[in-house]
Amino acid sequence: APPPCWDMAAVRLCLFLCVSLLWLPRDAFAADGMNVLLIIVDDLRPVLGCYGDKLVKSPNIDQLASQSMVFSNAYAQQAVCAPSRVSFLTGRRPDTTRLYDFYSYWRVHAGNYSTMPQYFKENGYMTLSVGKVFHPGISSNYNDDYPYSWSIPPFHPSAEKHENDKTCRGKDGKLYANLVCPVDVTEMPGGTLPDIQSTEEAVRLLNVMKTNRQKFFLAVGYHKPHIPLRYPQEFLKLYPLENITLAPDPWVPKKLPSVAYNPWTDIRQRDDVKVLNVSFPYGALPDDFQRQIRQSYYAAVSYLDVQVGLLLNALDNVGLSNNTIVVFTADHGWSLGEHGEWAKYSNFDVATRVPLMFYVPGMTTSPVSQGARVFPYLDPFSHIGVSAPQGQSKKVVELVSLFPTIAELAGLQVPPACPEMSFGVVLCTEGSSIVHYFNVSERMLEEGKEGYDSTDRCFKEEPFAFSQYPRPADTPQWNSDKPKLKDIRIMGYSMRTIDYRYTVWVQFDPNNFSANFEDVHAGELYMMESDPNQDYNIYYNTSHGQFFKKILDFLKH
């Protein structure tokens, strides 16, 4: 047995490299094509300087945006971790992965679909996973879909298992499992936090890749700002409580259908929320505690920004910024008191809208000379100013389009569009590449002029994002946020365009995964120009047949 001081992950990677160099086909060493660094954040809504937020300090992500194509209207397909991640990593929608909860593995439950990292692996890339990429557990077969998707077993930080432990020190000096949890990192188990460990491992892998001639696809998944809001306590200094405001609409909208409301049961189980004894389901948190939650969410975002900055700085250090595509996104958003909600688990923009940006050397920015620094680390405690995005599109796009988009950017053949029934089709995508939006000016698109991509496909049609969320009943239940498949009775299908969000809640049969659109339980319609926060539901006092037809037409095709 090797000495205990040996880094077994390094040993495993070195063995893999030695074997792979012997057996990989000769064209795997082709010089053309780029590496891919995919950064996935958990529960991050676009509260970032580059998205116009005036309070949050995110200089490193803003710096990435300054060299990237940034999409300001990007949406997840379901606002919960496992279904969203399986959706965009397979390029299939939840109705095709048949994953609406955490308790099935799509390869045996729906179809043996190829994944994005698997596709890169089959095209000569070394594929590496660090942190939370696939959701761990049954939904990724307890192994993050290894060995299908990854060249070596995925890395999970050892501190991950302490995420929900009693590590939050209260005013009485005792430890609690709180929602709001600024900590002294030196007092944490192992003296660290999961995202710190993930950054260290990703940096280590980049240094290994520097000496390896093979192209790589490295996915790095960060935990924060997912609850509990546990982060190094010094980040609170960035956000004095007196500067923190409440959500602009911290009330439950009068005409919100009860089926659409999520009662945020997961945070009710945290020690600091339990003691408040808030009534279920519509009771409001005290204003001062609402501010503390928002303060800690922002602090966690700045802590995340530091990790992203260290990772991108390492990309510079190893000289790979000039030939690595960097994609930054999140699995979904998170409500910070809007509509009286504190979670994801809905079809509102605050739950489904995510940051999305693509750094492509020579495309989104001028070619980078070897050794030039693109991403010098920026300290959020001292950096002043926000970098403007290199390019920005207001076009509505979906995360299910990540697979074909990244494939096209890397120079691989874009996976074909899925046929109407694709359960038996291994490789196809239900999203479509959005690379054509990179090269057409926003002004041309907004004026409605014609534009065509490399396949001569006209894209004059109105783009939209399609999301969905399951419910066990018409009224809020203790399992409304995360119903298991067997308990789903209603599905909310939601269509978001630049002008409106339209949602219908229809009867759903979990035994055959079918929705009955002749049995509509409730509906929502919000017009974005007059109601950008989606507070005033006009579904019941306006004609909406045209919107209903669009949803039906989409689902049929």
Protein backbone atom coordinates (compact mmCIF):
# COMPACT_ATOMS: atom_id res chain seq x y z
CA ALA A 1 0.00 0.00 0.00
CA PRO A 2 1.26 3.53 -0.73
CA PRO A 3 2.24 5.77 2.20
CA PRO A 4 -0.69 7.76 3.71
CA CYS A 5 0.84 11.03 2.55
CA TRP A 6 0.35 10.09 -1.09
CA ASP A 7 -2.38 12.00 -2.94
CA MET A 8 -4.46 9.07 -4.16
CA ALA A 9 -6.43 11.26 -6.57
CA ALA A 10 -3.15 12.28 -8.19
CA VAL A 11 -1.98 8.67 -8.34
CA ARG A 12 -5.26 7.64 -9.97
CA LEU A 13 -5.08 10.45 -12.53
CA CYS A 14 -1.45 9.70 -13.39
CA LEU A 15 -2.23 6.02 -13.94
CA PHE A 16 -5.14 6.97 -16.17
CA LEU A 17 -2.99 9.34 -18.21
CA CYS A 18 -0.29 6.72 -18.71
CA VAL A 19 -2.80 4.14 -19.94
CA SER A 20 -4.79 6.59 -22.05
CA LEU A 21 -1.68 7.84 -23.85
CA LEU A 22 -1.04 4.30 -24.98
CA TRP A 23 -4.57 3.52 -26.15
CA LEU A 24 -6.06 6.79 -27.40
CA PRO A 25 -6.42 7.13 -31.19
CA ARG A 26 -3.82 9.28 -32.91
CA ASP A 27 -6.35 12.00 -33.81
CA ALA A 28 -7.08 12.53 -30.11
CA PHE A 29 -3.95 14.70 -30.04
CA ALA A 30 -5.15 17.02 -32.79
CA ALA A 31 -4.01 20.59 -32.13
CA ASP A 32 -7.24 22.20 -33.29
CA GLY A 33 -10.26 22.57 -31.06
CA MET A 34 -10.41 24.10 -27.60
CA ASN A 35 -10.56 22.92 -24.05
CA VAL A 36 -13.77 23.53 -22.09
CA LEU A 37 -14.11 24.80 -18.53
CA LEU A 38 -17.75 24.58 -17.45
CA ILE A 39 -18.54 26.35 -14.16
CA ILE A 40 -21.89 25.41 -12.61
CA VAL A 41 -23.16 27.27 -9.55
CA ASP A 42 -25.95 26.07 -7.24
CA ASP A 43 -28.98 28.34 -6.66
CA LEU A 44 -27.40 31.46 -8.18
CA ARG A 45 -29.81 34.05 -9.52
CA PRO A 46 -28.21 36.85 -11.60
CA VAL A 47 -27.35 39.09 -8.61
CA LEU A 48 -24.01 40.09 -10.13
CA GLY A 49 -22.44 43.39 -11.04
CA CYS A 50 -22.33 42.43 -14.71
CA TYR A 51 -26.12 41.94 -14.61
CA GLY A 52 -26.64 45.43 -13.24
CA ASP A 53 -26.83 44.66 -9.52
CA LYS A 54 -25.58 47.76 -7.67
CA LEU A 55 -25.03 46.07 -4.29
CA VAL A 56 -23.33 42.73 -4.92
CA LYS A 57 -19.56 42.65 -5.24
CA SER A 58 -18.57 40.07 -7.87
CA PRO A 59 -15.45 41.48 -9.59
CA ASN A 60 -14.06 38.17 -10.86
CA ILE A 61 -17.30 36.99 -12.47
CA ASP A 62 -17.76 40.51 -13.85
CA GLN A 63 -14.25 40.31 -15.32
CA LEU A 64 -15.19 37.02 -17.01
CA ALA A 65 -18.31 38.74 -18.38
CA SER A 66 -16.14 41.53 -19.78
CA GLN A 67 -14.53 38.97 -22.09
CA SER A 68 -17.71 36.96 -22.75
CA MET A 69 -21.01 36.82 -24.54
CA VAL A 70 -23.57 37.32 -21.75
CA PHE A 71 -27.21 36.28 -21.98
CA SER A 72 -29.49 38.32 -19.76
CA ASN A 73 -32.59 36.16 -20.27
CA ALA A 74 -31.47 32.55 -19.73
CA TYR A 75 -33.77 30.07 -18.01
CA ALA A 76 -33.60 26.62 -16.42
CA GLN A 77 -36.09 23.91 -17.35
CA GLN A 78 -37.01 23.05 -13.76
CA ALA A 79 -36.09 25.03 -10.65
CA VAL A 80 -34.64 22.21 -8.58
CA CYS A 81 -31.13 20.75 -8.60
CA ALA A 82 -31.23 17.18 -9.93
CA PRO A 83 -33.86 17.63 -12.69
CA SER A 84 -32.21 20.81 -13.97
CA ARG A 85 -28.70 19.36 -14.07
CA VAL A 86 -29.79 16.12 -15.75
CA SER A 87 -31.74 18.21 -18.25
CA PHE A 88 -28.91 20.45 -19.44
CA LEU A 89 -26.21 17.77 -19.17
CA THR A 90 -28.25 15.41 -21.40
CA GLY A 91 -29.81 18.12 -23.57
CA ARG A 92 -33.27 16.71 -22.80
CA ARG A 93 -36.25 18.28 -21.06
CA PRO A 94 -37.65 16.88 -17.78
CA ASP A 95 -40.56 15.21 -19.58
CA THR A 96 -37.96 13.22 -21.54
CA THR A 97 -35.55 12.47 -18.69
CA ARG A 98 -38.67 11.73 -16.61
CA LEU A 99 -36.84 13.15 -13.63
CA TYR A 100 -38.87 15.66 -11.61
CA ASP A 101 -37.44 14.66 -8.24
CA PHE A 102 -34.19 13.09 -6.96
CA TYR A 103 -35.05 9.41 -7.04
CA SER A 104 -34.39 7.83 -10.44
CA TYR A 105 -31.53 7.40 -12.89
CA TRP A 106 -32.48 8.43 -16.40
CA ARG A 107 -30.44 5.69 -18.14
CA VAL A 108 -32.71 3.00 -16.69
CA HIS A 109 -35.82 5.07 -15.96
CA ALA A 110 -36.24 6.87 -19.31
CA GLY A 111 -33.53 6.19 -21.89
CA ASN A 112 -29.80 5.52 -22.16
CA TYR A 113 -29.09 9.09 -23.26
CA SER A 114 -25.63 10.38 -24.06
CA THR A 115 -24.49 13.33 -21.95
CA MET A 116 -22.51 16.43 -22.83
CA PRO A 117 -19.30 15.27 -21.09
CA GLN A 118 -19.78 11.78 -22.54
CA TYR A 119 -19.96 13.29 -26.03
CA PHE A 120 -16.71 15.18 -25.44
CA LYS A 121 -15.09 12.07 -24.00
CA GLU A 122 -16.06 10.10 -27.11
CA ASN A 123 -14.48 12.84 -29.21
CA GLY A 124 -11.03 12.55 -27.64
CA TYR A 125 -11.37 14.82 -24.61
CA MET A 126 -10.36 13.95 -21.09
CA THR A 127 -13.48 14.70 -19.07
CA LEU A 128 -13.15 15.69 -15.41
CA SER A 129 -15.74 16.50 -12.75
CA VAL A 130 -15.06 18.49 -9.58
CA GLY A 131 -17.66 19.27 -6.91
CA LYS A 132 -21.40 19.31 -7.58
CA VAL A 133 -21.87 18.81 -11.32
CA PHE A 134 -24.44 16.04 -11.54
CA HIS A 135 -26.56 15.96 -8.41
CA PRO A 136 -25.09 13.17 -6.26
CA GLY A 137 -27.25 10.18 -5.35
CA ILE A 138 -29.75 8.02 -7.22
CA SER A 139 -30.29 10.59 -10.00
CA SER A 140 -26.69 10.05 -11.18
CA ASN A 141 -26.45 6.38 -10.15
CA TYR A 142 -24.48 7.21 -6.97
CA ASN A 143 -21.35 7.77 -9.10
CA ASP A 144 -22.04 11.03 -10.98
CA ASP A 145 -22.64 8.97 -14.13
CA TYR A 146 -19.11 7.56 -14.11
CA PRO A 147 -17.69 5.97 -16.24
CA TYR A 148 -20.09 7.05 -19.00
CA SER A 149 -19.47 10.78 -18.59
CA TRP A 150 -16.05 11.03 -16.96
CA SER A 151 -12.57 9.76 -17.69
CA ILE A 152 -11.75 9.30 -13.99
CA PRO A 153 -14.02 9.13 -10.93
CA PRO A 154 -15.46 12.56 -10.06
CA PHE A 155 -14.02 14.51 -7.15
CA HIS A 156 -16.21 15.45 -4.20
CA PRO A 157 -14.79 17.59 -1.39
CA SER A 158 -14.52 15.79 1.94
CA ALA A 159 -16.17 18.77 3.69
CA GLU A 160 -19.31 18.22 1.62
CA LYS A 161 -20.65 15.71 4.16
CA HIS A 162 -20.73 18.43 6.82
CA GLU A 163 -22.92 20.84 4.84
CA ASN A 164 -25.98 20.34 7.07
CA ASP A 165 -24.19 19.62 10.34
CA LYS A 166 -24.39 21.86 13.40
CA THR A 167 -21.47 24.12 12.49
CA CYS A 168 -23.12 27.53 12.94
CA ARG A 169 -22.18 29.25 16.19
CA GLY A 170 -25.08 31.07 17.84
CA LYS A 171 -24.99 34.09 20.12
CA ASP A 172 -25.00 31.67 23.09
CA GLY A 173 -21.80 30.04 21.82
CA LYS A 174 -23.52 26.75 20.96
CA LEU A 175 -23.51 25.14 17.50
CA TYR A 176 -26.66 24.98 15.38
CA ALA A 177 -27.80 23.84 11.94
CA ASN A 178 -28.89 27.30 10.84
CA LEU A 179 -29.96 28.84 7.55
CA VAL A 180 -27.83 31.96 8.13
CA CYS A 181 -24.36 30.63 8.89
CA PRO A 182 -21.26 32.87 8.68
CA VAL A 183 -18.36 30.84 10.08
CA ASP A 184 -14.73 30.91 11.12
CA VAL A 185 -13.26 28.53 8.55
CA THR A 186 -10.53 27.41 10.92
CA GLU A 187 -13.23 26.01 13.22
CA MET A 188 -14.87 23.95 10.46
CA PRO A 189 -14.34 20.17 10.18
CA GLY A 190 -10.97 19.80 8.46
CA GLY A 191 -10.45 23.55 8.65
CA THR A 192 -12.03 24.15 5.25
CA LEU A 193 -15.26 24.43 3.24
CA PRO A 194 -16.42 22.39 0.20
CA ASP A 195 -16.03 25.13 -2.40
CA ILE A 196 -12.52 25.94 -1.19
CA GLN A 197 -11.60 22.26 -1.65
CA SER A 198 -13.21 22.15 -5.10
CA THR A 199 -11.19 25.16 -6.24
CA GLU A 200 -7.97 23.59 -4.95
CA GLU A 201 -8.70 20.33 -6.80
CA ALA A 202 -9.66 22.10 -10.03
CA VAL A 203 -6.46 24.17 -9.90
CA ARG A 204 -4.46 20.98 -9.33
CA LEU A 205 -6.09 19.34 -12.34
CA LEU A 206 -5.34 22.37 -14.53
CA ASN A 207 -1.67 22.03 -13.62
CA VAL A 208 -1.77 18.34 -14.55
CA MET A 209 -3.47 19.21 -17.84
CA LYS A 210 -0.74 21.75 -18.59
CA THR A 211 1.74 18.91 -19.13
CA ASN A 212 -0.76 16.69 -20.95
CA ARG A 213 -1.22 17.09 -24.71
CA GLN A 214 -4.81 15.91 -24.63
CA LYS A 215 -7.74 18.32 -24.73
CA PHE A 216 -9.92 18.46 -21.64
CA PHE A 217 -13.50 19.13 -20.59
CA LEU A 218 -13.40 20.20 -16.94
CA ALA A 219 -16.69 20.77 -15.11
CA VAL A 220 -16.49 22.52 -11.74
CA GLY A 221 -19.62 22.66 -9.58
CA TYR A 222 -19.81 25.11 -6.67
CA HIS A 223 -22.23 24.64 -3.74
CA LYS A 224 -22.81 28.21 -2.61
CA PRO A 225 -25.08 30.13 -2.46
CA HIS A 226 -27.21 26.99 -1.89
CA ILE A 227 -28.52 26.79 1.66
CA PRO A 228 -27.33 26.65 4.34
CA LEU A 229 -25.78 30.06 3.75
CA ARG A 230 -22.45 28.95 5.21
CA TYR A 231 -19.47 31.06 4.18
CA PRO A 232 -16.38 32.71 5.75
CA GLN A 233 -17.68 35.34 8.16
CA GLU A 234 -15.40 38.10 6.86
CA PHE A 235 -17.63 38.44 3.78
CA LEU A 236 -20.32 40.00 5.96
CA LYS A 237 -18.15 43.15 6.04
CA LEU A 238 -19.02 43.72 2.38
CA TYR A 239 -22.72 44.04 3.20
CA PRO A 240 -23.58 46.19 6.24
CA LEU A 241 -27.07 45.23 7.38
CA GLU A 242 -28.24 48.85 7.16
CA ASN A 243 -27.63 48.69 3.38
CA ILE A 244 -29.85 45.61 2.92
CA THR A 245 -33.39 46.20 1.71
CA LEU A 246 -36.37 43.86 1.57
CA ALA A 247 -37.57 42.35 -1.70
CA PRO A 248 -39.55 44.87 -3.78
CA ASP A 249 -42.63 42.62 -3.53
CA PRO A 250 -42.44 40.62 -0.27
CA TRP A 251 -46.13 39.74 -0.31
CA VAL A 252 -48.06 36.81 -1.74
CA PRO A 253 -49.80 38.18 -4.87
CA LYS A 254 -53.59 38.36 -4.44
CA LYS A 255 -54.38 36.51 -7.64
CA LEU A 256 -51.59 33.93 -7.36
CA PRO A 257 -53.14 30.45 -7.67
CA SER A 258 -52.47 28.48 -4.49
CA VAL A 259 -50.93 25.67 -6.58
CA ALA A 260 -48.23 28.07 -7.79
CA TYR A 261 -47.01 28.99 -4.29
CA ASN A 262 -44.08 27.12 -2.76
CA PRO A 263 -44.09 27.09 1.07
CA TRP A 264 -40.26 26.90 1.42
CA THR A 265 -40.38 23.91 3.77
CA ASP A 266 -36.64 23.24 3.53
CA ILE A 267 -35.67 26.47 5.29
CA ARG A 268 -38.41 25.99 7.90
CA GLN A 269 -36.42 22.99 9.13
CA ARG A 270 -33.30 25.09 9.93
CA ASP A 271 -32.74 25.80 13.60
CA ASP A 272 -32.81 29.59 13.31
CA VAL A 273 -36.07 29.52 11.32
CA LYS A 274 -37.77 26.94 13.54
CA VAL A 275 -37.57 29.19 16.59
CA LEU A 276 -39.49 31.93 14.73
CA ASN A 277 -42.59 29.67 14.65
CA VAL A 278 -43.79 31.09 11.33
CA SER A 279 -47.28 29.88 10.37
CA PHE A 280 -47.60 27.47 7.46
CA PRO A 281 -47.86 28.11 4.56
CA TYR A 282 -48.24 31.89 4.11
CA GLY A 283 -46.77 33.33 7.31
CA ALA A 284 -44.11 35.98 6.70
CA LEU A 285 -40.64 35.99 8.23
CA PRO A 286 -39.79 39.00 10.43
CA ASP A 287 -38.35 41.89 8.43
CA ASP A 288 -35.04 41.88 10.28
CA PHE A 289 -34.52 38.19 9.59
CA GLN A 290 -35.43 38.70 5.92
CA ARG A 291 -32.61 41.23 5.73
CA GLN A 292 -30.21 38.80 7.36
CA ILE A 293 -31.05 36.12 4.78
CA ARG A 294 -30.51 38.54 1.90
CA GLN A 295 -27.28 39.79 3.47
CA SER A 296 -25.96 36.24 3.81
CA TYR A 297 -26.99 35.31 0.28
CA TYR A 298 -25.00 38.26 -1.09
CA ALA A 299 -22.04 37.41 1.16
CA ALA A 300 -22.13 33.82 -0.13
CA VAL A 301 -22.12 35.15 -3.72
CA SER A 302 -18.97 37.19 -3.01
CA TYR A 303 -17.36 34.13 -1.41
CA LEU A 304 -18.24 32.22 -4.57
CA ASP A 305 -16.77 35.02 -6.69
CA VAL A 306 -13.43 34.58 -4.92
CA GLN A 307 -13.42 30.87 -5.79
CA VAL A 308 -14.21 31.62 -9.43
CA GLY A 309 -11.46 34.26 -9.45
CA LEU A 310 -8.87 31.83 -8.09
CA LEU A 311 -9.91 29.21 -10.65
CA LEU A 312 -9.72 31.59 -13.62
CA ASN A 313 -6.43 33.01 -12.36
CA ALA A 314 -5.07 29.45 -12.36
CA LEU A 315 -6.19 29.10 -15.99
CA ASP A 316 -3.99 32.12 -16.71
CA ASN A 317 -1.12 30.69 -14.67
CA VAL A 318 -0.99 27.47 -16.67
CA GLY A 319 -1.17 29.39 -19.96
CA LEU A 320 -4.50 27.92 -21.10
CA SER A 321 -6.68 31.04 -21.26
CA ASN A 322 -5.96 31.39 -24.97
CA ASN A 323 -7.36 27.97 -25.91
CA THR A 324 -10.06 27.24 -23.33
CA ILE A 325 -13.76 28.03 -23.66
CA VAL A 326 -15.19 29.11 -20.30
CA VAL A 327 -18.92 28.71 -19.68
CA PHE A 328 -20.48 30.08 -16.49
CA THR A 329 -24.04 29.34 -15.39
CA ALA A 330 -26.26 28.05 -12.56
CA ASP A 331 -28.77 25.24 -12.24
CA HIS A 332 -31.58 27.69 -11.30
CA GLY A 333 -32.23 30.80 -9.24
CA TRP A 334 -33.58 31.35 -5.73
CA SER A 335 -36.30 33.59 -4.27
CA LEU A 336 -35.12 36.19 -1.77
CA GLY A 337 -38.52 37.12 -0.39
CA GLU A 338 -40.22 37.91 -3.69
CA HIS A 339 -43.87 36.81 -3.59
CA GLY A 340 -43.34 35.88 0.07
CA GLU A 341 -41.12 32.92 -0.96
CA TRP A 342 -37.64 31.81 0.15
CA ALA A 343 -36.56 28.99 -2.15
CA LYS A 344 -36.61 27.90 -5.76
CA TYR A 345 -39.40 25.37 -6.51
CA SER A 346 -41.53 27.58 -8.78
CA ASN A 347 -41.91 28.87 -12.33
CA PHE A 348 -41.27 32.52 -11.47
CA ASP A 349 -38.27 34.30 -13.02
CA VAL A 350 -36.53 34.56 -9.63
CA ALA A 351 -36.46 30.74 -9.55
CA THR A 352 -35.84 29.89 -13.21
CA ARG A 353 -33.64 32.76 -14.46
CA VAL A 354 -29.89 32.14 -14.33
CA PRO A 355 -26.65 33.86 -15.32
CA LEU A 356 -25.17 32.53 -18.55
CA MET A 357 -21.96 33.64 -20.23
CA PHE A 358 -19.51 32.21 -22.76
CA TYR A 359 -15.85 33.19 -23.03
CA VAL A 360 -14.49 32.01 -26.40
CA PRO A 361 -10.93 33.15 -27.25
CA GLY A 362 -10.83 34.80 -30.66
CA MET A 363 -14.63 34.95 -30.85
CA THR A 364 -15.97 36.88 -27.87
CA THR A 365 -12.65 38.66 -27.52
CA SER A 366 -9.52 39.22 -29.57
CA PRO A 367 -7.08 36.31 -29.79
CA VAL A 368 -5.02 36.04 -26.63
CA SER A 369 -1.26 35.82 -26.98
CA GLN A 370 0.47 32.96 -25.23
CA GLY A 371 1.20 33.88 -21.61
CA ALA A 372 -1.00 36.98 -21.60
CA ARG A 373 -3.15 37.44 -18.50
CA VAL A 374 -6.86 37.50 -19.14
CA PHE A 375 -8.21 36.79 -15.66
CA PRO A 376 -5.95 38.31 -12.98
CA TYR A 377 -7.47 37.69 -9.55
CA LEU A 378 -9.51 40.62 -8.18
CA ASP A 379 -10.04 41.04 -4.45
CA PRO A 380 -13.73 41.91 -3.74
CA PHE A 381 -12.65 43.73 -0.55
CA SER A 382 -10.54 46.25 -2.45
CA HIS A 383 -11.65 46.19 -6.09
CA ILE A 384 -13.80 49.13 -7.20
CA GLY A 385 -15.85 49.26 -10.37
CA VAL A 386 -17.78 46.83 -12.54
CA SER A 387 -16.60 45.49 -15.88
CA ALA A 388 -19.19 45.72 -18.64
CA PRO A 389 -19.98 42.56 -20.63
CA GLN A 390 -18.08 42.17 -23.89
CA GLY A 391 -21.33 41.34 -25.67
CA GLN A 392 -24.85 41.02 -24.34
CA SER A 393 -28.03 39.52 -25.70
CA LYS A 394 -31.55 39.98 -24.37
CA LYS A 395 -32.76 37.02 -26.40
CA VAL A 396 -34.62 34.42 -24.33
CA VAL A 397 -32.58 31.20 -24.20
CA GLU A 398 -32.69 27.91 -22.28
CA LEU A 399 -30.17 25.78 -20.41
CA VAL A 400 -31.25 22.76 -22.44
CA SER A 401 -29.37 24.47 -25.29
CA LEU A 402 -26.01 24.25 -23.49
CA PHE A 403 -25.08 20.85 -24.96
CA PRO A 404 -25.36 21.79 -28.67
CA THR A 405 -23.97 25.29 -28.05
CA ILE A 406 -20.79 24.15 -26.30
CA ALA A 407 -20.31 21.37 -28.87
CA GLU A 408 -20.49 23.89 -31.71
CA LEU A 409 -18.15 26.34 -29.98
CA ALA A 410 -15.60 23.54 -29.49
CA GLY A 411 -15.75 22.62 -33.17
CA LEU A 412 -17.53 19.31 -32.69
CA GLN A 413 -20.44 18.18 -34.80
CA VAL A 414 -23.62 19.52 -33.23
CA PRO A 415 -25.81 16.65 -31.98
CA PRO A 416 -28.96 16.26 -34.08
CA ALA A 417 -32.33 17.53 -32.95
CA CYS A 418 -34.40 14.89 -31.19
CA PRO A 419 -37.33 13.36 -33.05
CA GLU A 420 -40.81 13.67 -31.56
CA MET A 421 -40.35 10.42 -29.62
CA SER A 422 -36.71 10.14 -28.57
CA PHE A 423 -36.68 7.70 -25.64
CA GLY A 424 -34.78 5.16 -27.74
CA VAL A 425 -32.40 7.71 -29.32
CA VAL A 426 -28.99 7.75 -27.63
CA LEU A 427 -27.60 11.02 -29.04
CA CYS A 428 -29.84 13.99 -29.78
CA THR A 429 -30.80 17.26 -28.15
CA GLU A 430 -34.07 19.03 -27.44
CA GLY A 431 -32.28 22.35 -27.23
CA SER A 432 -30.73 24.20 -30.14
CA SER A 433 -27.38 25.92 -30.43
CA ILE A 434 -27.47 29.63 -29.65
CA VAL A 435 -24.09 30.38 -31.26
CA HIS A 436 -25.86 32.33 -34.03
CA TYR A 437 -26.79 34.95 -31.41
CA PHE A 438 -23.08 35.61 -30.82
CA ASN A 439 -22.54 37.03 -34.29
CA VAL A 440 -25.64 39.10 -34.93
CA SER A 441 -25.94 42.56 -33.42
CA GLU A 442 -28.67 43.00 -30.85
CA ARG A 443 -29.94 45.96 -32.81
CA MET A 444 -30.53 43.86 -35.93
CA LEU A 445 -32.35 41.23 -33.93
CA GLU A 446 -34.51 43.76 -32.09
CA GLU A 447 -35.46 45.49 -35.33
CA GLY A 448 -36.69 42.17 -36.66
CA LYS A 449 -34.32 42.00 -39.60
CA GLU A 450 -33.49 38.65 -41.04
CA GLY A 451 -30.53 36.70 -39.76
CA TYR A 452 -29.25 33.24 -40.59
CA ASP A 453 -26.75 30.91 -39.01
CA SER A 454 -24.31 28.55 -40.72
CA THR A 455 -27.08 26.07 -41.53
CA ASP A 456 -29.05 28.86 -43.26
CA ARG A 457 -31.80 28.48 -40.69
CA CYS A 458 -33.86 31.59 -40.29
CA PHE A 459 -34.37 32.67 -36.69
CA LYS A 460 -37.01 35.37 -37.10
CA GLU A 461 -39.37 33.38 -34.86
CA GLU A 462 -40.00 34.54 -31.31
CA PRO A 463 -37.62 32.70 -28.96
CA PHE A 464 -38.98 31.37 -25.69
CA ALA A 465 -37.93 29.36 -22.67
CA PHE A 466 -39.99 26.45 -21.43
CA SER A 467 -39.97 25.50 -17.74
CA GLN A 468 -42.12 23.26 -15.59
CA TYR A 469 -42.78 22.39 -11.96
CA PRO A 470 -44.71 19.53 -10.32
CA ARG A 471 -47.12 19.78 -7.39
CA PRO A 472 -48.86 17.15 -5.23
CA ALA A 473 -52.08 19.16 -4.81
CA ASP A 474 -53.89 22.40 -5.61
CA THR A 475 -53.03 23.88 -2.23
CA PRO A 476 -49.64 24.12 -0.45
CA GLN A 477 -48.61 20.89 1.29
CA TRP A 478 -45.53 19.93 3.29
CA ASN A 479 -44.23 18.16 0.16
CA SER A 480 -45.24 20.88 -2.35
CA ASP A 481 -41.65 21.99 -2.89
CA LYS A 482 -40.17 18.59 -3.68
CA PRO A 483 -42.90 16.01 -4.37
CA LYS A 484 -41.77 12.48 -5.16
CA LEU A 485 -42.84 11.16 -8.56
CA LYS A 486 -45.60 8.95 -7.11
CA ASP A 487 -47.15 11.99 -5.39
CA ILE A 488 -47.24 14.34 -8.40
CA ARG A 489 -50.81 15.17 -9.42
CA ILE A 490 -50.37 18.52 -11.17
CA MET A 491 -47.73 19.89 -13.53
CA GLY A 492 -47.21 23.59 -14.16
CA TYR A 493 -45.98 24.23 -17.70
CA SER A 494 -44.57 27.72 -18.20
CA MET A 495 -43.57 29.63 -21.32
CA ARG A 496 -41.39 32.74 -21.02
CA THR A 497 -40.87 35.14 -23.90
CA ILE A 498 -39.39 38.62 -23.82
CA ASP A 499 -42.93 40.01 -23.42
CA TYR A 500 -44.75 37.62 -21.08
CA ARG A 501 -44.75 34.57 -18.84
CA TYR A 502 -47.68 32.20 -19.32
CA THR A 503 -48.23 29.18 -17.06
CA VAL A 504 -50.93 26.52 -16.94
CA TRP A 505 -51.30 24.01 -14.11
CA VAL A 506 -52.80 20.79 -15.49
CA GLN A 507 -53.65 17.30 -14.25
CA PHE A 508 -50.66 14.94 -14.38
CA ASP A 509 -50.53 11.13 -14.15
CA PRO A 510 -47.21 9.96 -12.66
CA ASN A 511 -47.83 6.37 -13.74
CA ASN A 512 -47.56 7.14 -17.44
CA PHE A 513 -45.90 10.59 -17.26
CA SER A 514 -48.79 12.22 -19.08
CA ALA A 515 -50.34 15.67 -18.73
CA ASN A 516 -54.03 16.24 -19.44
CA PHE A 517 -54.44 19.71 -20.93
CA GLU A 518 -58.20 19.31 -20.95
CA ASP A 519 -58.05 19.41 -17.14
CA VAL A 520 -56.61 22.85 -16.33
CA HIS A 521 -56.46 23.54 -12.58
CA ALA A 522 -55.14 27.11 -12.70
CA GLY A 523 -53.31 29.60 -14.85
CA GLU A 524 -50.98 32.61 -14.71
CA LEU A 525 -50.23 35.37 -17.19
CA TYR A 526 -47.81 38.21 -16.51
CA MET A 527 -46.95 40.95 -19.00
CA MET A 528 -43.30 41.85 -18.54
CA GLU A 529 -43.34 45.48 -19.67
CA SER A 530 -45.95 46.55 -17.12
CA ASP A 531 -45.24 43.87 -14.50
CA PRO A 532 -41.55 42.88 -14.58
CA ASN A 533 -41.69 41.28 -11.10
CA GLN A 534 -44.66 39.09 -12.04
CA ASP A 535 -46.94 40.29 -9.24
CA TYR A 536 -50.24 40.82 -11.07
CA ASN A 537 -51.77 37.72 -12.62
CA ILE A 538 -54.15 38.71 -15.43
CA TYR A 539 -54.92 35.15 -16.55
CA TYR A 540 -58.51 35.28 -15.32
CA ASN A 541 -59.46 38.63 -16.81
CA THR A 542 -57.89 38.44 -20.21
CA SER A 543 -58.12 36.27 -23.32
CA HIS A 544 -55.28 33.73 -23.36
CA GLY A 545 -56.27 31.18 -26.01
CA GLN A 546 -53.30 32.08 -28.21
CA PHE A 547 -50.85 31.39 -25.35
CA PHE A 548 -52.51 28.08 -24.52
CA LYS A 549 -52.23 27.01 -28.16
CA LYS A 550 -48.50 27.85 -28.18
CA ILE A 551 -47.86 25.55 -25.21
CA LEU A 552 -49.88 22.75 -26.79
CA ASP A 553 -48.10 23.16 -30.14
CA PHE A 554 -44.73 23.07 -28.41
CA LEU A 555 -45.49 19.91 -26.44
CA LYS A 556 -46.80 18.15 -29.54
CA HIS A 557 -43.53 18.76 -31.34
